[in-house]
Amino acid sequence: MRAMARSSTAGANGQVANGAAVSLEDAKALVLAAIGELVEDGKAEWRRMATGEFELRLISGEVFLLGEIGVTRVA
């Protein structure tokens, strides 16, 4: 079973937890920075796939594909 989380394409802005507007590019940068911290801390590994997507594997066993516009959990 695959679960998909996507950003809204209705507008160019999203909202962060404090309610402030943030551009989708800024939101993507924040997510990638958080993922980078997981990798640096040894809590995850990632690699680039032939499709151009990144595969993220958490040490707890979850596997995600990070695409251009969304994140798909595959395991």
PDB file of N, CA and C in Angstrom:
ATOM      1  N   MET A   1       0.839  -1.175   0.000  1.00  0.00           N
ATOM      2  CA  MET A   1       0.000   0.000   0.000  1.00  0.00           C
ATOM      3  C   MET A   1       0.884   1.238   0.000  1.00  0.00           C
ATOM      4  N   ARG A   2       0.532   2.225  -0.813  1.00  0.00           N
ATOM      5  CA  ARG A   2       1.323   3.442  -0.917  1.00  0.00           C
ATOM      6  C   ARG A   2       0.501   4.618  -0.421  1.00  0.00           C
ATOM      7  N   ALA A   3       1.130   5.456   0.367  1.00  0.00           N
ATOM      8  CA  ALA A   3       0.489   6.683   0.841  1.00  0.00           C
ATOM      9  C   ALA A   3       1.195   7.853   0.179  1.00  0.00           C
ATOM     10  N   MET A   4       0.433   8.842  -0.271  1.00  0.00           N
ATOM     11  CA  MET A   4       1.017   9.972  -0.984  1.00  0.00           C
ATOM     12  C   MET A   4       0.673  11.266  -0.269  1.00  0.00           C
ATOM     13  N   ALA A   5       1.670  12.091  -0.083  1.00  0.00           N
ATOM     14  CA  ALA A   5       1.461  13.432   0.472  1.00  0.00           C
ATOM     15  C   ALA A   5       1.956  14.416  -0.565  1.00  0.00           C
ATOM     16  N   ARG A   6       1.114  15.351  -0.962  1.00  0.00           N
ATOM     17  CA  ARG A   6       1.493  16.333  -1.975  1.00  0.00           C
ATOM     18  C   ARG A   6       1.171  17.730  -1.501  1.00  0.00           C
ATOM     19  N   SER A   7       1.964  18.641  -2.003  1.00  0.00           N
ATOM     20  CA  SER A   7       1.666  20.039  -1.737  1.00  0.00           C
ATOM     21  C   SER A   7       0.511  20.469  -2.625  1.00  0.00           C
ATOM     22  N   SER A   8      -0.223  21.470  -2.188  1.00  0.00           N
ATOM     23  CA  SER A   8      -1.330  21.993  -2.965  1.00  0.00           C
ATOM     24  C   SER A   8      -0.804  22.723  -4.186  1.00  0.00           C
ATOM     25  N   THR A   9      -1.451  22.511  -5.320  1.00  0.00           N
ATOM     26  CA  THR A   9      -1.072  23.247  -6.518  1.00  0.00           C
ATOM     27  C   THR A   9      -1.993  24.432  -6.739  1.00  0.00           C
ATOM     28  N   ALA A  10      -2.896  24.688  -5.814  1.00  0.00           N
ATOM     29  CA  ALA A  10      -3.853  25.778  -5.958  1.00  0.00           C
ATOM     30  C   ALA A  10      -3.199  27.137  -5.831  1.00  0.00           C
ATOM     31  N   GLY A  11      -2.137  27.239  -5.065  1.00  0.00           N
ATOM     32  CA  GLY A  11      -1.481  28.526  -4.881  1.00  0.00           C
ATOM     33  C   GLY A  11       0.008  28.344  -4.724  1.00  0.00           C
ATOM     34  N   ALA A  12       0.724  29.445  -4.715  1.00  0.00           N
ATOM     35  CA  ALA A  12       2.178  29.375  -4.617  1.00  0.00           C
ATOM     36  C   ALA A  12       2.650  29.432  -3.177  1.00  0.00           C
ATOM     37  N   ASN A  13       1.744  29.555  -2.238  1.00  0.00           N
ATOM     38  CA  ASN A  13       2.126  29.658  -0.833  1.00  0.00           C
ATOM     39  C   ASN A  13       1.478  28.561  -0.018  1.00  0.00           C
ATOM     40  N   GLY A  14       2.153  28.159   1.041  1.00  0.00           N
ATOM     41  CA  GLY A  14       1.605  27.227   2.009  1.00  0.00           C
ATOM     42  C   GLY A  14       1.657  27.886   3.365  1.00  0.00           C
ATOM     43  N   GLN A  15       1.381  27.131   4.412  1.00  0.00           N
ATOM     44  CA  GLN A  15       1.466  27.677   5.760  1.00  0.00           C
ATOM     45  C   GLN A  15       2.269  26.736   6.628  1.00  0.00           C
ATOM     46  N   VAL A  16       3.069  27.314   7.507  1.00  0.00           N
ATOM     47  CA  VAL A  16       3.809  26.519   8.480  1.00  0.00           C
ATOM     48  C   VAL A  16       3.017  26.484   9.770  1.00  0.00           C
ATOM     49  N   ALA A  17       3.500  25.753  10.751  1.00  0.00           N
ATOM     50  CA  ALA A  17       2.758  25.519  11.991  1.00  0.00           C
ATOM     51  C   ALA A  17       2.310  26.799  12.682  1.00  0.00           C
ATOM     52  N   ASN A  18       3.098  27.871  12.587  1.00  0.00           N
ATOM     53  CA  ASN A  18       2.703  29.103  13.269  1.00  0.00           C
ATOM     54  C   ASN A  18       1.738  29.943  12.447  1.00  0.00           C
ATOM     55  N   GLY A  19       1.310  29.435  11.287  1.00  0.00           N
ATOM     56  CA  GLY A  19       0.326  30.125  10.470  1.00  0.00           C
ATOM     57  C   GLY A  19       0.917  31.097   9.471  1.00  0.00           C
ATOM     58  N   ALA A  20       2.225  31.277   9.479  1.00  0.00           N
ATOM     59  CA  ALA A  20       2.859  32.213   8.554  1.00  0.00           C
ATOM     60  C   ALA A  20       2.878  31.621   7.147  1.00  0.00           C
ATOM     61  N   ALA A  21       2.682  32.468   6.158  1.00  0.00           N
ATOM     62  CA  ALA A  21       2.741  32.022   4.769  1.00  0.00           C
ATOM     63  C   ALA A  21       4.193  31.738   4.401  1.00  0.00           C
ATOM     64  N   VAL A  22       4.396  30.678   3.628  1.00  0.00           N
ATOM     65  CA  VAL A  22       5.735  30.315   3.175  1.00  0.00           C
ATOM     66  C   VAL A  22       5.607  29.828   1.731  1.00  0.00           C
ATOM     67  N   SER A  23       6.556  30.200   0.887  1.00  0.00           N
ATOM     68  CA  SER A  23       6.498  29.746  -0.500  1.00  0.00           C
ATOM     69  C   SER A  23       6.755  28.243  -0.547  1.00  0.00           C
ATOM     70  N   LEU A  24       6.287  27.613  -1.599  1.00  0.00           N
ATOM     71  CA  LEU A  24       6.490  26.174  -1.725  1.00  0.00           C
ATOM     72  C   LEU A  24       7.970  25.836  -1.842  1.00  0.00           C
ATOM     73  N   GLU A  25       8.750  26.697  -2.495  1.00  0.00           N
ATOM     74  CA  GLU A  25      10.195  26.464  -2.582  1.00  0.00           C
ATOM     75  C   GLU A  25      10.843  26.557  -1.204  1.00  0.00           C
ATOM     76  N   ASP A  26      10.402  27.528  -0.382  1.00  0.00           N
ATOM     77  CA  ASP A  26      10.936  27.639   0.977  1.00  0.00           C
ATOM     78  C   ASP A  26      10.541  26.425   1.811  1.00  0.00           C
ATOM     79  N   ALA A  27       9.300  25.963   1.647  1.00  0.00           N
ATOM     80  CA  ALA A  27       8.838  24.787   2.383  1.00  0.00           C
ATOM     81  C   ALA A  27       9.659  23.561   1.989  1.00  0.00           C
ATOM     82  N   LYS A  28       9.918  23.424   0.696  1.00  0.00           N
ATOM     83  CA  LYS A  28      10.719  22.294   0.217  1.00  0.00           C
ATOM     84  C   LYS A  28      12.125  22.355   0.812  1.00  0.00           C
ATOM     85  N   ALA A  29      12.699  23.543   0.869  1.00  0.00           N
ATOM     86  CA  ALA A  29      14.037  23.709   1.445  1.00  0.00           C
ATOM     87  C   ALA A  29      14.050  23.329   2.922  1.00  0.00           C
ATOM     88  N   LEU A  30      12.994  23.686   3.653  1.00  0.00           N
ATOM     89  CA  LEU A  30      12.907  23.333   5.071  1.00  0.00           C
ATOM     90  C   LEU A  30      12.818  21.819   5.259  1.00  0.00           C
ATOM     91  N   VAL A  31      12.021  21.163   4.431  1.00  0.00           N
ATOM     92  CA  VAL A  31      11.881  19.705   4.514  1.00  0.00           C
ATOM     93  C   VAL A  31      13.209  19.027   4.197  1.00  0.00           C
ATOM     94  N   LEU A  32      13.881  19.477   3.135  1.00  0.00           N
ATOM     95  CA  LEU A  32      15.165  18.876   2.770  1.00  0.00           C
ATOM     96  C   LEU A  32      16.218  19.103   3.844  1.00  0.00           C
ATOM     97  N   ALA A  33      16.183  20.258   4.496  1.00  0.00           N
ATOM     98  CA  ALA A  33      17.125  20.522   5.592  1.00  0.00           C
ATOM     99  C   ALA A  33      16.871  19.568   6.757  1.00  0.00           C
ATOM    100  N   ALA A  34      15.598  19.337   7.076  1.00  0.00           N
ATOM    101  CA  ALA A  34      15.255  18.419   8.167  1.00  0.00           C
ATOM    102  C   ALA A  34      15.684  16.990   7.824  1.00  0.00           C
ATOM    103  N   ILE A  35      15.477  16.588   6.567  1.00  0.00           N
ATOM    104  CA  ILE A  35      15.907  15.258   6.140  1.00  0.00           C
ATOM    105  C   ILE A  35      17.424  15.161   6.202  1.00  0.00           C
ATOM    106  N   GLY A  36      18.112  16.214   5.795  1.00  0.00           N
ATOM    107  CA  GLY A  36      19.572  16.239   5.869  1.00  0.00           C
ATOM    108  C   GLY A  36      20.073  16.044   7.285  1.00  0.00           C
ATOM    109  N   GLU A  37      19.375  16.632   8.252  1.00  0.00           N
ATOM    110  CA  GLU A  37      19.750  16.453   9.661  1.00  0.00           C
ATOM    111  C   GLU A  37      19.573  15.002  10.097  1.00  0.00           C
ATOM    112  N   LEU A  38      18.482  14.362   9.639  1.00  0.00           N
ATOM    113  CA  LEU A  38      18.279  12.946   9.967  1.00  0.00           C
ATOM    114  C   LEU A  38      19.430  12.102   9.435  1.00  0.00           C
ATOM    115  N   VAL A  39      19.852  12.399   8.203  1.00  0.00           N
ATOM    116  CA  VAL A  39      20.955  11.656   7.589  1.00  0.00           C
ATOM    117  C   VAL A  39      22.254  11.918   8.343  1.00  0.00           C
ATOM    118  N   GLU A  40      22.539  13.185   8.643  1.00  0.00           N
ATOM    119  CA  GLU A  40      23.765  13.535   9.370  1.00  0.00           C
ATOM    120  C   GLU A  40      23.816  12.899  10.751  1.00  0.00           C
ATOM    121  N   ASP A  41      22.652  12.775  11.397  1.00  0.00           N
ATOM    122  CA  ASP A  41      22.581  12.185  12.735  1.00  0.00           C
ATOM    123  C   ASP A  41      22.590  10.657  12.711  1.00  0.00           C
ATOM    124  N   GLY A  42      22.650  10.065  11.521  1.00  0.00           N
ATOM    125  CA  GLY A  42      22.674   8.613  11.408  1.00  0.00           C
ATOM    126  C   GLY A  42      21.320   7.965  11.583  1.00  0.00           C
ATOM    127  N   LYS A  43      20.252   8.735  11.496  1.00  0.00           N
ATOM    128  CA  LYS A  43      18.900   8.201  11.676  1.00  0.00           C
ATOM    129  C   LYS A  43      18.242   7.819  10.360  1.00  0.00           C
ATOM    130  N   ALA A  44      18.911   8.124   9.242  1.00  0.00           N
ATOM    131  CA  ALA A  44      18.366   7.814   7.923  1.00  0.00           C
ATOM    132  C   ALA A  44      19.500   7.762   6.912  1.00  0.00           C
ATOM    133  N   GLU A  45      19.200   7.137   5.781  1.00  0.00           N
ATOM    134  CA  GLU A  45      20.111   7.110   4.637  1.00  0.00           C
ATOM    135  C   GLU A  45      19.299   7.481   3.411  1.00  0.00           C
ATOM    136  N   TRP A  46      19.944   8.160   2.448  1.00  0.00           N
ATOM    137  CA  TRP A  46      19.237   8.418   1.207  1.00  0.00           C
ATOM    138  C   TRP A  46      20.150   8.222   0.027  1.00  0.00           C
ATOM    139  N   ARG A  47      19.522   7.921  -1.126  1.00  0.00           N
ATOM    140  CA  ARG A  47      20.284   7.734  -2.358  1.00  0.00           C
ATOM    141  C   ARG A  47      19.421   8.175  -3.527  1.00  0.00           C
ATOM    142  N   ARG A  48      20.090   8.607  -4.587  1.00  0.00           N
ATOM    143  CA  ARG A  48      19.381   9.043  -5.789  1.00  0.00           C
ATOM    144  C   ARG A  48      19.066   7.825  -6.648  1.00  0.00           C
ATOM    145  N   MET A  49      17.817   7.738  -7.089  1.00  0.00           N
ATOM    146  CA  MET A  49      17.369   6.631  -7.928  1.00  0.00           C
ATOM    147  C   MET A  49      17.604   6.982  -9.398  1.00  0.00           C
ATOM    148  N   ALA A  50      17.512   6.000 -10.278  1.00  0.00           N
ATOM    149  CA  ALA A  50      17.668   6.231 -11.715  1.00  0.00           C
ATOM    150  C   ALA A  50      16.586   7.164 -12.255  1.00  0.00           C
ATOM    151  N   THR A  51      15.445   7.228 -11.570  1.00  0.00           N
ATOM    152  CA  THR A  51      14.330   8.081 -11.995  1.00  0.00           C
ATOM    153  C   THR A  51      14.549   9.548 -11.640  1.00  0.00           C
ATOM    154  N   GLY A  52      15.584   9.827 -10.849  1.00  0.00           N
ATOM    155  CA  GLY A  52      15.822  11.196 -10.399  1.00  0.00           C
ATOM    156  C   GLY A  52      15.250  11.466  -9.019  1.00  0.00           C
ATOM    157  N   GLU A  53      14.388  10.557  -8.541  1.00  0.00           N
ATOM    158  CA  GLU A  53      13.849  10.688  -7.196  1.00  0.00           C
ATOM    159  C   GLU A  53      14.902  10.235  -6.189  1.00  0.00           C
ATOM    160  N   PHE A  54      14.705  10.633  -4.945  1.00  0.00           N
ATOM    161  CA  PHE A  54      15.575  10.169  -3.869  1.00  0.00           C
ATOM    162  C   PHE A  54      14.813   9.163  -3.032  1.00  0.00           C
ATOM    163  N   GLU A  55      15.498   8.094  -2.645  1.00  0.00           N
ATOM    164  CA  GLU A  55      14.936   7.118  -1.724  1.00  0.00           C
ATOM    165  C   GLU A  55      15.480   7.433  -0.342  1.00  0.00           C
ATOM    166  N   LEU A  56      14.586   7.597   0.621  1.00  0.00           N
ATOM    167  CA  LEU A  56      14.955   7.868   2.005  1.00  0.00           C
ATOM    168  C   LEU A  56      14.587   6.655   2.838  1.00  0.00           C
ATOM    169  N   ARG A  57      15.564   6.101   3.552  1.00  0.00           N
ATOM    170  CA  ARG A  57      15.336   4.947   4.431  1.00  0.00           C
ATOM    171  C   ARG A  57      15.639   5.365   5.860  1.00  0.00           C
ATOM    172  N   LEU A  58      14.617   5.316   6.713  1.00  0.00           N
ATOM    173  CA  LEU A  58      14.804   5.620   8.127  1.00  0.00           C
ATOM    174  C   LEU A  58      15.291   4.368   8.845  1.00  0.00           C
ATOM    175  N   ILE A  59      16.049   4.545   9.935  1.00  0.00           N
ATOM    176  CA  ILE A  59      16.559   3.369  10.650  1.00  0.00           C
ATOM    177  C   ILE A  59      15.431   2.563  11.288  1.00  0.00           C
ATOM    178  N   SER A  60      14.260   3.165  11.432  1.00  0.00           N
ATOM    179  CA  SER A  60      13.109   2.457  11.990  1.00  0.00           C
ATOM    180  C   SER A  60      12.413   1.578  10.950  1.00  0.00           C
ATOM    181  N   GLY A  61      12.879   1.648   9.676  1.00  0.00           N
ATOM    182  CA  GLY A  61      12.354   0.752   8.655  1.00  0.00           C
ATOM    183  C   GLY A  61      11.506   1.390   7.573  1.00  0.00           C
ATOM    184  N   GLU A  62      11.002   2.582   7.788  1.00  0.00           N
ATOM    185  CA  GLU A  62      10.178   3.228   6.776  1.00  0.00           C
ATOM    186  C   GLU A  62      11.031   3.616   5.572  1.00  0.00           C
ATOM    187  N   VAL A  63      10.418   3.528   4.377  1.00  0.00           N
ATOM    188  CA  VAL A  63      11.091   3.904   3.133  1.00  0.00           C
ATOM    189  C   VAL A  63      10.187   4.878   2.389  1.00  0.00           C
ATOM    190  N   PHE A  64      10.772   5.967   1.899  1.00  0.00           N
ATOM    191  CA  PHE A  64      10.035   7.001   1.185  1.00  0.00           C
ATOM    192  C   PHE A  64      10.732   7.324  -0.122  1.00  0.00           C
ATOM    193  N   LEU A  65       9.949   7.688  -1.138  1.00  0.00           N
ATOM    194  CA  LEU A  65      10.489   8.248  -2.366  1.00  0.00           C
ATOM    195  C   LEU A  65      10.202   9.742  -2.345  1.00  0.00           C
ATOM    196  N   LEU A  66      11.250  10.534  -2.505  1.00  0.00           N
ATOM    197  CA  LEU A  66      11.112  11.984  -2.507  1.00  0.00           C
ATOM    198  C   LEU A  66      11.134  12.445  -3.951  1.00  0.00           C
ATOM    199  N   GLY A  67       9.969  12.838  -4.453  1.00  0.00           N
ATOM    200  CA  GLY A  67       9.859  13.294  -5.829  1.00  0.00           C
ATOM    201  C   GLY A  67       9.903  14.803  -5.914  1.00  0.00           C
ATOM    202  N   GLU A  68       9.751  15.311  -7.110  1.00  0.00           N
ATOM    203  CA  GLU A  68       9.794  16.755  -7.337  1.00  0.00           C
ATOM    204  C   GLU A  68       8.643  17.467  -6.630  1.00  0.00           C
ATOM    205  N   ILE A  69       7.456  16.848  -6.609  1.00  0.00           N
ATOM    206  CA  ILE A  69       6.296  17.532  -6.026  1.00  0.00           C
ATOM    207  C   ILE A  69       5.636  16.764  -4.892  1.00  0.00           C
ATOM    208  N   GLY A  70       6.225  15.668  -4.467  1.00  0.00           N
ATOM    209  CA  GLY A  70       5.577  14.916  -3.405  1.00  0.00           C
ATOM    210  C   GLY A  70       6.490  13.892  -2.759  1.00  0.00           C
ATOM    211  N   VAL A  71       5.968  13.300  -1.694  1.00  0.00           N
ATOM    212  CA  VAL A  71       6.673  12.256  -0.952  1.00  0.00           C
ATOM    213  C   VAL A  71       5.763  11.035  -0.919  1.00  0.00           C
ATOM    214  N   THR A  72       6.298   9.890  -1.309  1.00  0.00           N
ATOM    215  CA  THR A  72       5.526   8.651  -1.322  1.00  0.00           C
ATOM    216  C   THR A  72       6.151   7.659  -0.358  1.00  0.00           C
ATOM    217  N   ARG A  73       5.350   7.166   0.576  1.00  0.00           N
ATOM    218  CA  ARG A  73       5.842   6.114   1.478  1.00  0.00           C
ATOM    219  C   ARG A  73       5.653   4.777   0.776  1.00  0.00           C
ATOM    220  N   VAL A  74       6.734   4.004   0.684  1.00  0.00           N
ATOM    221  CA  VAL A  74       6.660   2.718  -0.006  1.00  0.00           C
ATOM    222  C   VAL A  74       6.804   1.536   0.943  1.00  0.00           C
ATOM    223  N   ALA A  75       7.271   1.761   2.150  1.00  0.00           N
ATOM    224  CA  ALA A  75       7.377   0.674   3.130  1.00  0.00           C
ATOM    225  C   ALA A  75       7.410   1.253   4.529  1.00  0.00           C
TER     226      ALA A  75
END
